Every structure is written in structure tokens, then in C-alpha cells.
Protein backbone atom coordinates (compact mmCIF):
# COMPACT_ATOMS: atom_id res chain seq x y z
CA MET A 1 0.07 -0.02 0.06
CA THR A 2 1.43 3.45 -1.01
CA THR A 3 1.62 6.30 1.45
CA THR A 4 -1.23 8.11 -0.33
CA ARG A 5 -3.58 5.15 0.02
CA LEU A 6 -2.69 4.73 3.69
CA LEU A 7 -3.44 8.35 4.41
CA ARG A 8 -6.82 8.00 2.61
CA ALA A 9 -7.70 4.83 4.85
CA LEU A 10 -6.62 6.30 8.13
CA PRO A 11 -9.86 8.11 8.83
CA PHE A 12 -11.87 4.92 8.23
CA LEU A 13 -9.58 2.89 10.50
CA LEU A 14 -9.87 5.43 13.33
CA VAL A 15 -13.69 5.14 13.03
CA VAL A 16 -13.54 1.43 13.25
CA ALA A 17 -11.27 1.55 16.34
CA ALA A 18 -13.73 3.97 17.99
CA CYS A 19 -16.66 1.83 17.26
CA ALA A 20 -14.78 -1.20 18.75
CA ARG A 21 -14.09 0.65 21.86
CA GLY A 22 -17.79 1.72 22.08
CA ARG A 23 -18.88 -1.90 21.82
CA ALA A 24 -16.38 -2.97 24.61
CA ARG A 25 -17.77 -0.33 26.96
CA GLY A 26 -21.23 -1.52 26.26
CA ALA A 27 -20.52 -5.23 26.41
CA ALA A 28 -23.21 -7.47 28.05
CA ALA A 29 -22.69 -8.31 31.61
CA VAL A 30 -21.37 -11.84 32.43
CA PRO A 31 -23.99 -14.09 34.14
CA VAL A 32 -22.59 -15.64 37.28
CA ARG A 33 -23.75 -17.27 40.56
CA VAL A 34 -22.48 -15.91 43.89
CA ALA A 35 -22.52 -16.69 47.50
CA SER A 36 -21.74 -14.72 50.64
CA ALA A 37 -18.75 -15.33 52.82
CA ALA A 38 -19.96 -16.35 56.34
CA SER A 39 -18.67 -16.78 59.78
CA ARG A 40 -19.29 -20.39 61.01
CA ASP A 41 -18.17 -22.95 63.56
CA VAL A 42 -16.30 -25.36 61.46
CA PRO A 43 -15.04 -28.77 62.73
CA TYR A 44 -11.42 -29.69 62.06
CA GLU A 45 -11.46 -33.12 60.54
CA LEU A 46 -9.10 -35.69 59.34
CA SER A 47 -10.31 -37.68 56.30
CA ALA A 48 -9.68 -41.33 55.56
CA THR A 49 -11.16 -44.38 53.93
CA GLY A 50 -12.60 -47.00 56.29
CA THR A 51 -13.90 -50.44 56.38
CA VAL A 52 -16.86 -51.72 58.43
CA GLU A 53 -16.22 -54.80 60.58
CA PRO A 54 -18.51 -56.59 63.01
CA LEU A 55 -17.91 -55.96 66.68
CA GLN A 56 -17.95 -59.77 67.29
CA THR A 57 -17.96 -62.71 64.91
CA ALA A 58 -18.77 -66.29 65.89
CA SER A 59 -18.35 -69.39 63.72
CA VAL A 60 -20.96 -71.78 64.98
CA GLU A 61 -19.57 -75.32 64.95
CA ALA A 62 -21.00 -78.70 66.01
CA GLN A 63 -19.48 -80.17 69.16
CA VAL A 64 -20.95 -83.61 68.41
CA THR A 65 -21.29 -85.63 65.18
CA GLY A 66 -24.84 -86.41 64.03
CA ILE A 67 -27.68 -85.90 61.60
CA VAL A 68 -29.15 -82.38 61.62
CA THR A 69 -32.92 -82.95 62.20
CA LYS A 70 -34.03 -79.30 62.51
CA VAL A 71 -32.75 -75.89 61.34
CA ALA A 72 -34.61 -73.36 63.63
CA PHE A 73 -33.86 -70.14 61.66
CA HIS A 74 -33.60 -68.71 58.24
CA GLU A 75 -30.36 -67.69 56.85
CA GLY A 76 -29.91 -63.93 57.20
CA ASP A 77 -32.22 -63.75 60.43
CA GLU A 78 -31.00 -61.90 63.38
CA VAL A 79 -30.74 -64.25 66.33
CA ARG A 80 -30.25 -63.84 70.14
CA ALA A 81 -27.64 -65.31 72.27
CA GLY A 82 -28.77 -68.74 73.47
CA GLN A 83 -31.43 -69.11 70.76
CA LEU A 84 -31.75 -72.64 69.27
CA LEU A 85 -30.14 -72.75 65.77
CA PHE A 86 -29.68 -76.45 64.86
CA GLN A 87 -31.00 -79.72 66.40
CA ILE A 88 -28.81 -82.77 65.92
CA ASP A 89 -30.53 -86.12 66.52
CA PRO A 90 -30.15 -86.57 70.25
CA ARG A 91 -31.10 -90.11 70.55
CA PRO A 92 -27.60 -91.78 70.41
CA PHE A 93 -26.44 -89.27 73.04
CA GLN A 94 -29.47 -89.78 75.28
CA ALA A 95 -28.85 -93.52 75.06
CA ALA A 96 -25.18 -93.00 76.01
CA LEU A 97 -26.35 -90.91 78.94
CA ASP A 98 -28.79 -93.52 80.12
CA GLN A 99 -26.04 -96.17 79.91
CA ALA A 100 -23.71 -94.05 81.88
CA LEU A 101 -26.29 -93.42 84.52
CA ALA A 102 -27.00 -97.13 84.82
CA ALA A 103 -23.32 -97.84 85.23
CA LEU A 104 -23.10 -95.24 87.94
CA HIS A 105 -26.00 -96.69 89.98
CA ARG A 106 -24.47 -100.20 89.64
CA ASP A 107 -21.03 -99.20 90.69
CA SER A 108 -22.46 -96.94 93.49
CA ALA A 109 -24.19 -99.80 94.99
CA GLN A 110 -21.05 -101.96 94.79
CA ALA A 111 -19.02 -99.19 96.34
CA VAL A 112 -21.33 -98.95 99.29
CA GLN A 113 -21.05 -102.78 99.88
CA ALA A 114 -17.28 -102.60 99.59
CA ASP A 115 -17.21 -99.70 102.13
CA ARG A 116 -19.32 -101.92 104.65
CA ASP A 117 -17.09 -104.90 104.05
CA ALA A 118 -13.99 -102.78 104.84
CA GLU A 119 -15.65 -101.46 108.03
CA ARG A 120 -16.66 -105.05 109.10
CA TYR A 121 -13.11 -106.44 108.42
CA ALA A 122 -11.63 -103.50 110.42
CA ALA A 123 -13.50 -104.74 113.59
CA LEU A 124 -12.65 -108.31 112.91
CA VAL A 125 -8.95 -107.79 112.38
CA LYS A 126 -8.82 -106.28 115.84
CA GLN A 127 -10.22 -109.45 117.32
CA ASP A 128 -7.91 -111.66 115.06
CA TYR A 129 -10.88 -113.27 113.37
CA VAL A 130 -9.36 -112.19 110.11
CA THR A 131 -5.85 -111.60 108.91
CA GLN A 132 -4.39 -108.19 108.32
CA GLU A 133 -4.01 -109.15 104.69
CA ASP A 134 -7.77 -109.94 104.30
CA TYR A 135 -8.62 -106.61 105.89
CA GLU A 136 -6.16 -104.72 103.50
CA GLN A 137 -7.69 -106.46 100.53
CA ARG A 138 -11.22 -105.19 101.56
CA ARG A 139 -9.97 -101.83 102.05
CA ALA A 140 -8.34 -101.82 98.59
CA ALA A 141 -11.45 -103.12 97.07
CA ALA A 142 -13.49 -100.33 98.67
CA GLY A 143 -11.06 -97.66 97.40
CA ALA A 144 -11.23 -99.19 93.88
CA ALA A 145 -15.04 -99.08 93.98
CA ASP A 146 -15.00 -95.31 95.05
CA ALA A 147 -12.69 -94.56 92.13
CA THR A 148 -15.03 -96.44 89.70
CA VAL A 149 -17.94 -94.41 91.01
CA ARG A 150 -16.02 -91.09 90.40
CA ALA A 151 -15.19 -92.22 86.86
CA ASP A 152 -18.79 -93.10 86.33
CA SER A 153 -19.79 -89.65 87.41
CA ALA A 154 -17.34 -88.09 84.94
CA ASN A 155 -18.93 -90.31 82.16
CA VAL A 156 -22.32 -89.20 83.07
CA GLU A 157 -21.31 -85.53 82.92
CA ALA A 158 -19.75 -86.05 79.55
CA ALA A 159 -22.71 -87.89 78.23
CA ARG A 160 -24.99 -85.11 79.57
CA LEU A 161 -22.92 -82.51 77.79
CA ASN A 162 -23.20 -84.39 74.58
CA VAL A 163 -26.98 -84.28 74.89
CA GLU A 164 -26.72 -80.57 75.45
CA TYR A 165 -24.48 -80.17 72.52
CA ALA A 166 -26.99 -81.85 70.20
CA SER A 167 -29.01 -78.56 70.54
CA VAL A 168 -26.66 -75.91 68.83
CA THR A 169 -27.43 -72.49 70.19
CA ALA A 170 -26.28 -69.03 69.17
CA PRO A 171 -23.17 -67.95 71.24
CA ILE A 172 -23.72 -64.28 70.51
CA SER A 173 -26.66 -62.10 69.30
CA GLY A 174 -26.29 -60.96 65.73
CA ARG A 175 -27.31 -61.58 62.01
CA THR A 176 -26.67 -64.95 60.52
CA GLY A 177 -24.90 -65.38 57.18
CA SER A 178 -25.31 -68.19 54.56
CA LEU A 179 -26.54 -71.48 55.88
CA LEU A 180 -23.75 -74.01 55.20
CA VAL A 181 -25.41 -77.25 56.58
CA LYS A 182 -28.95 -78.12 55.71
CA GLU A 183 -31.61 -80.38 57.46
CA GLY A 184 -30.63 -84.01 56.95
CA ASN A 185 -26.89 -83.35 56.48
CA LEU A 186 -24.32 -84.87 58.69
CA ALA A 187 -22.78 -82.35 61.03
CA ARG A 188 -19.32 -83.40 62.15
CA ALA A 189 -17.77 -82.36 65.37
CA ASN A 190 -15.13 -79.50 65.21
CA ASN A 191 -15.32 -79.40 61.36
CA VAL A 192 -13.20 -76.90 59.44
CA ILE A 193 -16.54 -75.64 57.81
CA PRO A 194 -18.81 -73.98 60.38
CA LEU A 195 -22.58 -74.61 60.32
CA VAL A 196 -23.16 -70.74 60.04
CA VAL A 197 -21.39 -67.55 60.83
CA ILE A 198 -22.90 -64.78 63.00
CA ASN A 199 -21.92 -61.19 62.91
CA GLN A 200 -22.84 -58.69 65.47
CA ILE A 201 -23.84 -55.60 63.57
CA HIS A 202 -25.09 -53.37 66.22
CA PRO A 203 -23.03 -51.78 67.69
CA ILE A 204 -20.47 -52.08 64.87
CA LEU A 205 -16.89 -50.99 64.23
CA VAL A 206 -15.28 -48.99 61.48
CA ARG A 207 -11.59 -49.23 61.04
CA PHE A 208 -9.46 -46.66 59.28
CA SER A 209 -5.93 -45.47 59.12
CA VAL A 210 -4.41 -42.02 59.14
CA PRO A 211 -0.79 -40.80 58.58
CA GLN A 212 1.53 -40.95 61.49
CA ALA A 213 2.02 -37.24 61.21
CA ASN A 214 -1.55 -36.74 62.66
CA LEU A 215 -0.82 -39.01 65.72
CA PRO A 216 0.32 -36.16 68.05
CA GLN A 217 -3.02 -34.21 67.33
CA ILE A 218 -5.14 -37.31 67.91
CA GLN A 219 -3.28 -38.05 71.20
CA ARG A 220 -3.57 -34.43 72.28
CA PHE A 221 -7.30 -33.95 71.70
CA ARG A 222 -8.15 -37.45 72.84
CA GLY A 223 -6.20 -36.96 76.09
CA ALA A 224 -8.09 -33.73 76.70
CA GLY A 225 -10.87 -35.75 78.30
CA GLY A 226 -13.41 -35.52 75.43
CA GLN A 227 -14.57 -38.23 73.06
CA LEU A 228 -13.59 -37.71 69.42
CA ARG A 229 -16.43 -37.97 67.01
CA VAL A 230 -16.18 -40.16 63.95
CA ILE A 231 -18.46 -39.65 60.89
CA ALA A 232 -18.72 -42.49 58.40
CA SER A 233 -20.63 -42.04 55.07
CA PRO A 234 -20.97 -43.85 51.79
CA THR A 235 -18.26 -42.77 49.43
CA GLY A 236 -19.34 -39.50 47.55
CA ASN A 237 -22.35 -38.87 49.82
CA ASP A 238 -21.14 -37.03 52.97
CA SER A 239 -24.66 -35.93 53.77
CA ALA A 240 -25.81 -39.54 54.65
CA GLY A 241 -23.33 -40.12 57.42
CA SER A 242 -23.52 -42.19 60.65
CA THR A 243 -22.01 -40.81 63.74
CA GLY A 244 -19.90 -42.81 66.29
CA TRP A 245 -16.93 -42.34 68.65
CA LEU A 246 -13.25 -43.20 68.57
CA THR A 247 -12.75 -46.24 70.61
CA PHE A 248 -9.33 -47.70 69.51
CA LEU A 249 -5.93 -46.18 68.76
CA ASP A 250 -3.44 -48.85 67.83
CA ASN A 251 -0.28 -49.01 69.91
CA THR A 252 2.16 -49.09 66.99
CA VAL A 253 2.60 -47.32 63.66
CA ASP A 254 2.68 -49.52 60.49
CA SER A 255 6.27 -49.12 59.34
CA SER A 256 5.38 -50.38 55.91
CA THR A 257 2.74 -47.55 55.30
CA GLY A 258 3.58 -44.98 57.84
CA THR A 259 -0.04 -45.03 59.15
CA VAL A 260 -1.69 -45.75 62.42
CA LEU A 261 -4.84 -47.87 62.78
CA LEU A 262 -8.02 -46.44 64.50
CA LYS A 263 -11.42 -47.80 65.12
CA GLY A 264 -14.72 -46.02 65.70
CA GLN A 265 -17.73 -47.63 67.26
CA PHE A 266 -21.26 -46.82 65.93
CA PRO A 267 -24.64 -47.82 67.47
CA ASN A 268 -25.90 -48.78 63.89
CA ASP A 269 -29.53 -49.19 65.14
CA ASP A 270 -30.74 -48.35 61.61
CA ARG A 271 -28.41 -51.01 60.07
CA ALA A 272 -26.93 -48.39 57.70
CA LEU A 273 -23.41 -49.84 58.14
CA TRP A 274 -22.73 -53.28 56.83
CA PRO A 275 -19.72 -55.55 57.44
CA GLY A 276 -17.09 -55.30 54.69
CA GLU A 277 -18.39 -52.01 53.27
CA PHE A 278 -16.04 -49.25 52.32
CA LEU A 279 -16.74 -45.83 53.61
CA SER A 280 -15.51 -42.28 53.67
CA VAL A 281 -14.43 -41.43 57.23
CA ARG A 282 -13.91 -38.19 59.01
CA LEU A 283 -12.39 -37.97 62.44
CA GLU A 284 -13.34 -34.67 64.28
CA LEU A 285 -10.65 -33.33 66.49
CA TYR A 286 -12.09 -29.93 67.46
CA VAL A 287 -14.36 -27.24 66.33
CA GLU A 288 -13.01 -23.83 65.12
CA LYS A 289 -15.36 -21.05 66.30
CA GLY A 290 -16.21 -18.24 63.99
CA ALA A 291 -14.13 -19.28 60.90
CA THR A 292 -14.64 -17.47 57.64
CA VAL A 293 -15.92 -19.86 55.04
CA ILE A 294 -16.94 -19.62 51.39
CA PRO A 295 -17.98 -22.45 48.96
CA ALA A 296 -14.93 -24.34 47.75
CA ALA A 297 -16.17 -23.76 44.23
CA ALA A 298 -15.42 -19.99 44.50
CA VAL A 299 -11.68 -20.59 44.95
CA THR A 300 -9.74 -20.55 41.72
CA PRO A 301 -6.07 -21.77 41.69
CA GLY A 302 -3.59 -19.61 39.79
CA GLN A 303 0.21 -19.41 39.23
CA ALA A 304 0.56 -16.89 42.10
CA GLY A 305 -1.80 -18.80 44.36
CA ASN A 306 -5.44 -19.16 44.97
CA TYR A 307 -7.78 -16.24 44.21
CA VAL A 308 -11.55 -15.35 44.12
CA PHE A 309 -13.66 -12.81 42.37
CA VAL A 310 -15.34 -10.44 44.86
CA VAL A 311 -18.48 -8.68 43.64
CA ASN A 312 -18.48 -4.87 44.20
CA ALA A 313 -21.54 -2.72 44.83
CA ASP A 314 -21.53 -1.50 41.17
CA GLN A 315 -21.85 -5.06 39.85
CA THR A 316 -18.16 -5.28 38.81
CA VAL A 317 -15.78 -7.72 40.10
CA ALA A 318 -12.31 -7.57 41.71
CA LEU A 319 -9.66 -10.35 41.69
CA ARG A 320 -8.75 -11.03 45.27
CA PRO A 321 -5.89 -13.28 46.36
CA VAL A 322 -7.01 -15.56 49.35
CA THR A 323 -5.21 -17.87 51.77
CA VAL A 324 -7.12 -21.19 52.06
CA GLU A 325 -6.54 -22.65 55.57
CA ARG A 326 -8.22 -25.95 54.83
CA SER A 327 -11.23 -27.54 53.12
CA THR A 328 -14.13 -29.18 54.88
CA GLY A 329 -16.81 -30.82 52.66
CA ASP A 330 -17.97 -28.32 50.11
CA TRP A 331 -16.58 -25.32 52.14
CA ALA A 332 -13.15 -23.64 52.16
CA VAL A 333 -11.87 -22.13 55.35
CA ILE A 334 -10.41 -18.76 54.44
CA ALA A 335 -7.48 -17.43 56.54
CA ASP A 336 -7.00 -14.13 54.79
CA GLY A 337 -8.40 -12.28 51.67
CA VAL A 338 -12.17 -12.37 52.37
CA LYS A 339 -14.29 -11.05 55.16
CA PRO A 340 -17.75 -12.37 56.32
CA GLY A 341 -20.62 -10.60 54.35
CA GLU A 342 -18.51 -10.17 51.07
CA THR A 343 -19.99 -11.61 48.01
CA VAL A 344 -17.87 -14.02 45.88
CA VAL A 345 -18.46 -15.67 42.58
CA THR A 346 -19.07 -19.41 42.58
CA ASP A 347 -19.76 -20.12 38.95
CA GLY A 348 -18.77 -18.24 35.80
CA GLN A 349 -15.32 -17.34 36.78
CA VAL A 350 -13.87 -18.47 33.38
CA ARG A 351 -15.34 -15.44 31.55
CA LEU A 352 -14.25 -12.85 34.13
CA GLY A 353 -11.41 -10.49 34.46
CA PRO A 354 -10.72 -7.59 36.89
CA GLY A 355 -13.40 -4.91 36.37
CA SER A 356 -15.81 -7.23 34.52
CA HIS A 357 -19.61 -6.35 34.81
CA VAL A 358 -21.65 -9.33 36.11
CA GLN A 359 -25.27 -10.17 36.18
CA ILE A 360 -26.21 -12.31 39.25
CA ALA A 361 -28.27 -15.32 38.21
CA ALA A 362 -31.28 -16.53 40.27
CA PRO A 363 -30.30 -18.93 43.02
CA ALA A 364 -30.65 -22.66 42.21
CA SER A 365 -33.51 -24.48 43.81
CA GLY A 366 -32.64 -25.17 47.40
CA ASP A 367 -29.50 -23.12 47.26
CA GLN A 368 -29.41 -21.39 50.67
CA GLU A 369 -26.00 -19.60 50.12
CA SER A 370 -26.31 -18.24 46.60
CA ARG A 371 -28.00 -14.91 45.96
């Protein structure tokens, strides 16, 4: 382009630039969602992944061998301690008990007679009607008869126990698992495979591990005299949590992982926690009073650190660096940069810059913080 042509086009270019500046000044406001920074009491929590385990587990085994004649529950039922679970055919054991009782009665009568003979010979030996050897033989016979009676008594007790063992009862209260022996099957004494497994599910335990760096804090707040609260919830759903209390702190740190094992006990009356389930666990150490909080979605990471967009009274925004002390759930605890009552942008930050005009969108249904 020649100099003459450039000079002729210059007025047009100036007009285009002026129009562009005019459009920029009149640009439409950016729609955003906002929330107010608030002052709240915020718990200080340690997060972990936990596993539910029963408070007690009992593998019910047969103590005697016999045919199962009755199963007195349905698999999956909740049972009480002492409740009948299985009936093994008691007739062989009752017959053995009757036989042991008969032997006891017989030998008891013989022992009485042997004792009387020994007493009689004791008087006769003094008068030289019998020899000392005869007397000692009678006394030995009486002692042997007494020993036989004691052995018979032990046999009776063993036979009576076998009759009792034929009725298999629940050792603990809890929920039964899969039924492993059916009616008509042969139950073997002390078999490797139990008849059924019972888990106590209320109360119940949740085990979890935290880094060893948190151990001093846990010891300090646990030793202050208060119970430490534990919240367990399904993964990804912190609102549906169960509350329990820390009951166990392991006495050693796992050197392979650098973590320490903890357990929380939960009443679990609603049966919300189930053995073997994986959960998100939060251990509450203390509650910070009057902390400044904003929705975590309002915080944007940058090369120079975290920042938020604060809405001014004239519906423009200012970029404000913030110091995030920690996060808890959907909230960020702010140590510096925002004060309670200030309005921050929670959605739409991508289209914003310092001084941008914004249009606040209507709050979402059920949103108590947006405005």
C-alpha cells in the first residue's frame, strides 16, 4: 500500500477503532452465581477411607457328630444369644447318657457294699478273726469301688454335655450369614467348615488409618478428656453419614505404610453400616469457632496462588488473592483475603477479569447460600 492510500484509509481505521471501543464499553454483563462469605463454627477433621467390621464374629460349629434334624432359623435372620439354631439327632447321646447313669448306679451300690465290708473287716482284724491281709484287700476293694464311681460320674457328665451339644445355640446375638449345613446333612464335630457364621452388627466398628503425622494431634485432643467424634458415610455422599466415637488407637505405627490404625464404634441401630463396606471417614478433632468460610467452588487456583472474584456494589468484580487454611466438605476455610458478608463468585469465573460487569443469576432451587 502506497503512502497516499494509507493516508486515505486512516480516517476509516480510526472510526472502526472508535466503534470497537464503544462496543467494549457496552458489552453485556457476564451471568454468574454468587455466595456470601460467612462466619461459622467449622469442625477440624481428618479424612480417611474406612472398612466396616462386626464388633464380634462367631463361627458356629457342631460339638458332636450327628444328623441335623432341624434348622430353627432362616439364613440372614437376626438371632439372640442362646437361641436354638440347629437340632442334631439326640437319641444316640441320650442312650449313652442312660447307659452311663446305669453304670453309675450299679457301681455306686457296689461301692457301698465294699465300704461296709471294709468297716466290718476293720473290727474283725482287731479281734484276730481275720488276717491283716484280708482286711487290706477289703480296704483296697473299697477304694477301687469309690474310684469307679467317680469315673462313672465323669462319664455321666460327659454324656449329659453331648445331649446338650445336640442342641446348637447361638453364642452371640447378631445376624446370621449363609446357611452351610441343611436339614438332613451330617454335622461333624469340630469341622473346618462351620454350620453358620454370626456377625454382631449393632453396635459395629469402622476401622481406618491416618498418617503418622496426625498422631500427636489425635493423642492431644483425645487426652483432653473428650470423646472424638467419627462420621462415616458412603463414598461420595457425605450428607448421609452415621456418627460414632473413636474407641481404639493402635499401639504401633505400621512401618510399611507410615499410618496408624484407628477404630470407631457406631450404634448402627438403623443397620446403615454393613460388614465389609468401604466408607469415607472423618475424624473430628475440634471445632473452630467463627471461621470465615466460602463455597470451595469460589476458589480458583492460579500461578501466584489461590484467588476469588469479589462482587463490588456497582456489579463489577475484583480479583482478590486468598489464603485457604483448609477445606471441609463443600466449604473452604479462609485465613486471609475475604471477610464475612462479602460476595464471591461461585460459577462463571472463566469469563471474568478484573473490572468485568456481572449479572447475578437467580439462586438454584434449594440453594441457601447463593444470592
